[in-house]
Amino acid sequence: MQAEFAFGEERTDSILIMGDELFQAAELQNVKPKVSYAIVGGTGAYVGARGQCEVAVGEDGVFTVTCTFKTMD
């Protein structure tokens, strides 16, 4: 899995996460309750970002993403 989260008014600040867990919205019953992904980089304010994101899915199917990371600054 690879995902980019973009921030800011012009969406030029972003973090990129990667991991092994793959799933599709139609297969939520097979998703682990919490999965960790590596933050492998970033752009703009987040250039050089390293850390991890935990993605959790609730019983209602709502995903929550919590990230902890450091940047080069």
PDB file of N, CA and C in Angstrom:
ATOM      1  N   MET A   1       0.835  -1.156   0.000  1.00  0.00           N
ATOM      2  CA  MET A   1       0.000   0.000   0.000  1.00  0.00           C
ATOM      3  C   MET A   1       0.886   1.228   0.000  1.00  0.00           C
ATOM      4  N   GLN A   2       0.494   2.213  -0.747  1.00  0.00           N
ATOM      5  CA  GLN A   2       1.188   3.497  -0.779  1.00  0.00           C
ATOM      6  C   GLN A   2       0.118   4.581  -0.769  1.00  0.00           C
ATOM      7  N   ALA A   3       0.315   5.611   0.058  1.00  0.00           N
ATOM      8  CA  ALA A   3      -0.643   6.716   0.115  1.00  0.00           C
ATOM      9  C   ALA A   3       0.103   8.010   0.359  1.00  0.00           C
ATOM     10  N   GLU A   4      -0.429   9.083  -0.189  1.00  0.00           N
ATOM     11  CA  GLU A   4       0.131  10.406   0.045  1.00  0.00           C
ATOM     12  C   GLU A   4      -0.949  11.265   0.690  1.00  0.00           C
ATOM     13  N   PHE A   5      -0.568  11.937   1.779  1.00  0.00           N
ATOM     14  CA  PHE A   5      -1.462  12.859   2.455  1.00  0.00           C
ATOM     15  C   PHE A   5      -0.934  14.267   2.217  1.00  0.00           C
ATOM     16  N   ALA A   6      -1.726  15.126   1.571  1.00  0.00           N
ATOM     17  CA  ALA A   6      -1.295  16.480   1.235  1.00  0.00           C
ATOM     18  C   ALA A   6      -1.996  17.484   2.146  1.00  0.00           C
ATOM     19  N   PHE A   7      -1.257  18.543   2.511  1.00  0.00           N
ATOM     20  CA  PHE A   7      -1.752  19.552   3.433  1.00  0.00           C
ATOM     21  C   PHE A   7      -1.502  20.937   2.861  1.00  0.00           C
ATOM     22  N   GLY A   8      -2.112  21.931   3.479  1.00  0.00           N
ATOM     23  CA  GLY A   8      -1.904  23.321   3.091  1.00  0.00           C
ATOM     24  C   GLY A   8      -2.893  23.750   2.030  1.00  0.00           C
ATOM     25  N   GLU A   9      -3.000  25.064   1.900  1.00  0.00           N
ATOM     26  CA  GLU A   9      -3.964  25.634   0.963  1.00  0.00           C
ATOM     27  C   GLU A   9      -3.723  25.171  -0.468  1.00  0.00           C
ATOM     28  N   GLU A  10      -2.462  25.094  -0.866  1.00  0.00           N
ATOM     29  CA  GLU A  10      -2.139  24.650  -2.222  1.00  0.00           C
ATOM     30  C   GLU A  10      -1.739  23.179  -2.279  1.00  0.00           C
ATOM     31  N   ARG A  11      -1.811  22.495  -1.144  1.00  0.00           N
ATOM     32  CA  ARG A  11      -1.525  21.056  -1.037  1.00  0.00           C
ATOM     33  C   ARG A  11      -0.112  20.717  -1.504  1.00  0.00           C
ATOM     34  N   THR A  12       0.853  21.583  -1.192  1.00  0.00           N
ATOM     35  CA  THR A  12       2.241  21.357  -1.587  1.00  0.00           C
ATOM     36  C   THR A  12       3.067  20.718  -0.485  1.00  0.00           C
ATOM     37  N   ASP A  13       2.508  20.591   0.712  1.00  0.00           N
ATOM     38  CA  ASP A  13       3.172  19.909   1.822  1.00  0.00           C
ATOM     39  C   ASP A  13       2.522  18.536   1.956  1.00  0.00           C
ATOM     40  N   SER A  14       3.344  17.474   1.929  1.00  0.00           N
ATOM     41  CA  SER A  14       2.752  16.142   1.973  1.00  0.00           C
ATOM     42  C   SER A  14       3.673  15.152   2.675  1.00  0.00           C
ATOM     43  N   ILE A  15       3.075  14.037   3.105  1.00  0.00           N
ATOM     44  CA  ILE A  15       3.859  12.896   3.591  1.00  0.00           C
ATOM     45  C   ILE A  15       3.457  11.676   2.771  1.00  0.00           C
ATOM     46  N   LEU A  16       4.406  10.789   2.573  1.00  0.00           N
ATOM     47  CA  LEU A  16       4.181   9.567   1.814  1.00  0.00           C
ATOM     48  C   LEU A  16       4.340   8.386   2.755  1.00  0.00           C
ATOM     49  N   ILE A  17       3.316   7.515   2.796  1.00  0.00           N
ATOM     50  CA  ILE A  17       3.403   6.320   3.640  1.00  0.00           C
ATOM     51  C   ILE A  17       3.375   5.073   2.769  1.00  0.00           C
ATOM     52  N   MET A  18       4.057   4.029   3.242  1.00  0.00           N
ATOM     53  CA  MET A  18       4.088   2.754   2.520  1.00  0.00           C
ATOM     54  C   MET A  18       4.028   1.602   3.525  1.00  0.00           C
ATOM     55  N   GLY A  19       3.474   0.491   3.060  1.00  0.00           N
ATOM     56  CA  GLY A  19       3.410  -0.709   3.888  1.00  0.00           C
ATOM     57  C   GLY A  19       2.914  -1.892   3.097  1.00  0.00           C
ATOM     58  N   ASP A  20       2.816  -3.016   3.775  1.00  0.00           N
ATOM     59  CA  ASP A  20       2.503  -4.277   3.122  1.00  0.00           C
ATOM     60  C   ASP A  20       1.016  -4.602   3.103  1.00  0.00           C
ATOM     61  N   GLU A  21       0.243  -4.046   4.001  1.00  0.00           N
ATOM     62  CA  GLU A  21      -1.171  -4.398   4.123  1.00  0.00           C
ATOM     63  C   GLU A  21      -1.981  -3.779   2.994  1.00  0.00           C
ATOM     64  N   LEU A  22      -2.650  -4.603   2.210  1.00  0.00           N
ATOM     65  CA  LEU A  22      -3.519  -4.145   1.122  1.00  0.00           C
ATOM     66  C   LEU A  22      -4.964  -4.476   1.453  1.00  0.00           C
ATOM     67  N   PHE A  23      -5.868  -3.575   1.128  1.00  0.00           N
ATOM     68  CA  PHE A  23      -7.286  -3.851   1.308  1.00  0.00           C
ATOM     69  C   PHE A  23      -8.083  -2.928   0.402  1.00  0.00           C
ATOM     70  N   GLN A  24      -9.335  -3.286   0.197  1.00  0.00           N
ATOM     71  CA  GLN A  24     -10.250  -2.455  -0.578  1.00  0.00           C
ATOM     72  C   GLN A  24     -11.458  -2.183   0.297  1.00  0.00           C
ATOM     73  N   ALA A  25     -12.122  -1.075   0.045  1.00  0.00           N
ATOM     74  CA  ALA A  25     -13.273  -0.685   0.867  1.00  0.00           C
ATOM     75  C   ALA A  25     -14.324  -1.794   0.916  1.00  0.00           C
ATOM     76  N   ALA A  26     -14.483  -2.542  -0.165  1.00  0.00           N
ATOM     77  CA  ALA A  26     -15.487  -3.607  -0.207  1.00  0.00           C
ATOM     78  C   ALA A  26     -15.105  -4.793   0.673  1.00  0.00           C
ATOM     79  N   GLU A  27     -13.845  -4.841   1.132  1.00  0.00           N
ATOM     80  CA  GLU A  27     -13.368  -5.982   1.922  1.00  0.00           C
ATOM     81  C   GLU A  27     -13.045  -5.587   3.359  1.00  0.00           C
ATOM     82  N   LEU A  28     -13.766  -4.630   3.928  1.00  0.00           N
ATOM     83  CA  LEU A  28     -13.451  -4.131   5.263  1.00  0.00           C
ATOM     84  C   LEU A  28     -13.522  -5.206   6.341  1.00  0.00           C
ATOM     85  N   GLN A  29     -14.318  -6.236   6.133  1.00  0.00           N
ATOM     86  CA  GLN A  29     -14.419  -7.286   7.139  1.00  0.00           C
ATOM     87  C   GLN A  29     -13.104  -8.046   7.303  1.00  0.00           C
ATOM     88  N   ASN A  30     -12.198  -7.949   6.330  1.00  0.00           N
ATOM     89  CA  ASN A  30     -10.916  -8.653   6.390  1.00  0.00           C
ATOM     90  C   ASN A  30      -9.766  -7.766   6.868  1.00  0.00           C
ATOM     91  N   VAL A  31     -10.052  -6.514   7.188  1.00  0.00           N
ATOM     92  CA  VAL A  31      -9.010  -5.566   7.588  1.00  0.00           C
ATOM     93  C   VAL A  31      -8.678  -5.759   9.066  1.00  0.00           C
ATOM     94  N   LYS A  32      -7.380  -5.776   9.376  1.00  0.00           N
ATOM     95  CA  LYS A  32      -6.952  -5.831  10.770  1.00  0.00           C
ATOM     96  C   LYS A  32      -7.416  -4.558  11.468  1.00  0.00           C
ATOM     97  N   PRO A  33      -7.713  -4.625  12.779  1.00  0.00           N
ATOM     98  CA  PRO A  33      -8.201  -3.428  13.472  1.00  0.00           C
ATOM     99  C   PRO A  33      -7.207  -2.260  13.469  1.00  0.00           C
ATOM    100  N   LYS A  34      -5.903  -2.550  13.476  1.00  0.00           N
ATOM    101  CA  LYS A  34      -4.891  -1.486  13.451  1.00  0.00           C
ATOM    102  C   LYS A  34      -3.669  -1.984  12.694  1.00  0.00           C
ATOM    103  N   VAL A  35      -3.179  -1.165  11.762  1.00  0.00           N
ATOM    104  CA  VAL A  35      -2.023  -1.515  10.949  1.00  0.00           C
ATOM    105  C   VAL A  35      -1.058  -0.333  10.956  1.00  0.00           C
ATOM    106  N   SER A  36       0.252  -0.605  11.031  1.00  0.00           N
ATOM    107  CA  SER A  36       1.262   0.452  10.996  1.00  0.00           C
ATOM    108  C   SER A  36       1.915   0.520   9.627  1.00  0.00           C
ATOM    109  N   TYR A  37       2.154   1.749   9.172  1.00  0.00           N
ATOM    110  CA  TYR A  37       2.818   1.998   7.904  1.00  0.00           C
ATOM    111  C   TYR A  37       3.996   2.928   8.138  1.00  0.00           C
ATOM    112  N   ALA A  38       5.053   2.764   7.358  1.00  0.00           N
ATOM    113  CA  ALA A  38       6.229   3.622   7.463  1.00  0.00           C
ATOM    114  C   ALA A  38       5.995   4.924   6.708  1.00  0.00           C
ATOM    115  N   ILE A  39       6.451   6.036   7.297  1.00  0.00           N
ATOM    116  CA  ILE A  39       6.508   7.303   6.572  1.00  0.00           C
ATOM    117  C   ILE A  39       7.870   7.321   5.897  1.00  0.00           C
ATOM    118  N   VAL A  40       7.869   7.345   4.573  1.00  0.00           N
ATOM    119  CA  VAL A  40       9.117   7.205   3.819  1.00  0.00           C
ATOM    120  C   VAL A  40       9.607   8.506   3.202  1.00  0.00           C
ATOM    121  N   GLY A  41       8.903   9.592   3.429  1.00  0.00           N
ATOM    122  CA  GLY A  41       9.357  10.867   2.908  1.00  0.00           C
ATOM    123  C   GLY A  41       8.262  11.900   2.932  1.00  0.00           C
ATOM    124  N   GLY A  42       8.614  13.086   2.469  1.00  0.00           N
ATOM    125  CA  GLY A  42       7.650  14.168   2.440  1.00  0.00           C
ATOM    126  C   GLY A  42       8.110  15.274   1.520  1.00  0.00           C
ATOM    127  N   THR A  43       7.220  16.246   1.313  1.00  0.00           N
ATOM    128  CA  THR A  43       7.522  17.401   0.484  1.00  0.00           C
ATOM    129  C   THR A  43       7.191  18.673   1.255  1.00  0.00           C
ATOM    130  N   GLY A  44       7.729  19.796   0.778  1.00  0.00           N
ATOM    131  CA  GLY A  44       7.435  21.082   1.396  1.00  0.00           C
ATOM    132  C   GLY A  44       7.860  21.117   2.850  1.00  0.00           C
ATOM    133  N   ALA A  45       6.947  21.457   3.744  1.00  0.00           N
ATOM    134  CA  ALA A  45       7.236  21.544   5.179  1.00  0.00           C
ATOM    135  C   ALA A  45       7.633  20.198   5.770  1.00  0.00           C
ATOM    136  N   TYR A  46       7.321  19.111   5.070  1.00  0.00           N
ATOM    137  CA  TYR A  46       7.584  17.771   5.592  1.00  0.00           C
ATOM    138  C   TYR A  46       8.733  17.055   4.878  1.00  0.00           C
ATOM    139  N   VAL A  47       9.575  17.802   4.162  1.00  0.00           N
ATOM    140  CA  VAL A  47      10.688  17.183   3.448  1.00  0.00           C
ATOM    141  C   VAL A  47      11.558  16.393   4.430  1.00  0.00           C
ATOM    142  N   GLY A  48      11.916  15.191   4.046  1.00  0.00           N
ATOM    143  CA  GLY A  48      12.744  14.331   4.884  1.00  0.00           C
ATOM    144  C   GLY A  48      12.005  13.659   6.023  1.00  0.00           C
ATOM    145  N   ALA A  49      10.688  13.679   6.010  1.00  0.00           N
ATOM    146  CA  ALA A  49       9.905  13.097   7.103  1.00  0.00           C
ATOM    147  C   ALA A  49      10.191  11.603   7.246  1.00  0.00           C
ATOM    148  N   ARG A  50      10.305  11.157   8.498  1.00  0.00           N
ATOM    149  CA  ARG A  50      10.485   9.742   8.833  1.00  0.00           C
ATOM    150  C   ARG A  50       9.675   9.448  10.081  1.00  0.00           C
ATOM    151  N   GLY A  51       9.025   8.315  10.099  1.00  0.00           N
ATOM    152  CA  GLY A  51       8.222   7.929  11.255  1.00  0.00           C
ATOM    153  C   GLY A  51       7.238   6.855  10.859  1.00  0.00           C
ATOM    154  N   GLN A  52       6.054   6.871  11.490  1.00  0.00           N
ATOM    155  CA  GLN A  52       5.056   5.870  11.147  1.00  0.00           C
ATOM    156  C   GLN A  52       3.651   6.414  11.351  1.00  0.00           C
ATOM    157  N   CYS A  53       2.709   5.795  10.650  1.00  0.00           N
ATOM    158  CA  CYS A  53       1.285   6.087  10.801  1.00  0.00           C
ATOM    159  C   CYS A  53       0.578   4.807  11.203  1.00  0.00           C
ATOM    160  N   GLU A  54      -0.346   4.936  12.131  1.00  0.00           N
ATOM    161  CA  GLU A  54      -1.206   3.814  12.485  1.00  0.00           C
ATOM    162  C   GLU A  54      -2.574   4.082  11.883  1.00  0.00           C
ATOM    163  N   VAL A  55      -3.070   3.121  11.129  1.00  0.00           N
ATOM    164  CA  VAL A  55      -4.378   3.223  10.510  1.00  0.00           C
ATOM    165  C   VAL A  55      -5.291   2.227  11.224  1.00  0.00           C
ATOM    166  N   ALA A  56      -6.363   2.755  11.801  1.00  0.00           N
ATOM    167  CA  ALA A  56      -7.309   1.911  12.527  1.00  0.00           C
ATOM    168  C   ALA A  56      -8.677   2.037  11.883  1.00  0.00           C
ATOM    169  N   VAL A  57      -9.408   0.944  11.857  1.00  0.00           N
ATOM    170  CA  VAL A  57     -10.773   0.975  11.336  1.00  0.00           C
ATOM    171  C   VAL A  57     -11.716   0.587  12.469  1.00  0.00           C
ATOM    172  N   GLY A  58     -12.723   1.423  12.689  1.00  0.00           N
ATOM    173  CA  GLY A  58     -13.700   1.159  13.734  1.00  0.00           C
ATOM    174  C   GLY A  58     -14.780   0.206  13.260  1.00  0.00           C
ATOM    175  N   GLU A  59     -15.605  -0.223  14.187  1.00  0.00           N
ATOM    176  CA  GLU A  59     -16.704  -1.132  13.851  1.00  0.00           C
ATOM    177  C   GLU A  59     -17.670  -0.500  12.855  1.00  0.00           C
ATOM    178  N   ASP A  60     -17.697   0.841  12.817  1.00  0.00           N
ATOM    179  CA  ASP A  60     -18.582   1.547  11.896  1.00  0.00           C
ATOM    180  C   ASP A  60     -17.963   1.723  10.510  1.00  0.00           C
ATOM    181  N   GLY A  61     -16.721   1.200  10.316  1.00  0.00           N
ATOM    182  CA  GLY A  61     -16.054   1.297   9.024  1.00  0.00           C
ATOM    183  C   GLY A  61     -15.305   2.596   8.805  1.00  0.00           C
ATOM    184  N   VAL A  62     -15.247   3.458   9.817  1.00  0.00           N
ATOM    185  CA  VAL A  62     -14.542   4.732   9.710  1.00  0.00           C
ATOM    186  C   VAL A  62     -13.064   4.519  10.023  1.00  0.00           C
ATOM    187  N   PHE A  63     -12.208   5.021   9.138  1.00  0.00           N
ATOM    188  CA  PHE A  63     -10.759   4.910   9.314  1.00  0.00           C
ATOM    189  C   PHE A  63     -10.223   6.106  10.075  1.00  0.00           C
ATOM    190  N   THR A  64      -9.281   5.855  10.988  1.00  0.00           N
ATOM    191  CA  THR A  64      -8.566   6.908  11.708  1.00  0.00           C
ATOM    192  C   THR A  64      -7.082   6.715  11.447  1.00  0.00           C
ATOM    193  N   VAL A  65      -6.410   7.783  11.025  1.00  0.00           N
ATOM    194  CA  VAL A  65      -4.978   7.734  10.743  1.00  0.00           C
ATOM    195  C   VAL A  65      -4.268   8.639  11.747  1.00  0.00           C
ATOM    196  N   THR A  66      -3.316   8.066  12.509  1.00  0.00           N
ATOM    197  CA  THR A  66      -2.524   8.813  13.484  1.00  0.00           C
ATOM    198  C   THR A  66      -1.064   8.663  13.119  1.00  0.00           C
ATOM    199  N   CYS A  67      -0.392   9.794  12.866  1.00  0.00           N
ATOM    200  CA  CYS A  67       1.007   9.754  12.422  1.00  0.00           C
ATOM    201  C   CYS A  67       1.921  10.414  13.449  1.00  0.00           C
ATOM    202  N   THR A  68       3.098   9.806  13.631  1.00  0.00           N
ATOM    203  CA  THR A  68       4.144  10.344  14.477  1.00  0.00           C
ATOM    204  C   THR A  68       5.417  10.365  13.638  1.00  0.00           C
ATOM    205  N   PHE A  69       6.030  11.557  13.489  1.00  0.00           N
ATOM    206  CA  PHE A  69       7.195  11.630  12.629  1.00  0.00           C
ATOM    207  C   PHE A  69       8.061  12.827  12.965  1.00  0.00           C
ATOM    208  N   LYS A  70       9.268  12.798  12.410  1.00  0.00           N
ATOM    209  CA  LYS A  70      10.226  13.896  12.522  1.00  0.00           C
ATOM    210  C   LYS A  70      10.600  14.334  11.119  1.00  0.00           C
ATOM    211  N   THR A  71      10.947  15.623  10.992  1.00  0.00           N
ATOM    212  CA  THR A  71      11.441  16.140   9.723  1.00  0.00           C
ATOM    213  C   THR A  71      12.900  16.534   9.892  1.00  0.00           C
ATOM    214  N   MET A  72      13.508  17.006   8.832  1.00  0.00           N
ATOM    215  CA  MET A  72      14.923  17.347   8.859  1.00  0.00           C
ATOM    216  C   MET A  72      15.216  18.560   9.739  1.00  0.00           C
ATOM    217  N   ASP A  73      14.261  19.434   9.976  1.00  0.00           N
ATOM    218  CA  ASP A  73      14.496  20.638  10.775  1.00  0.00           C
ATOM    219  C   ASP A  73      14.641  20.346  12.252  1.00  0.00           C
TER     220      ASP A  73
END
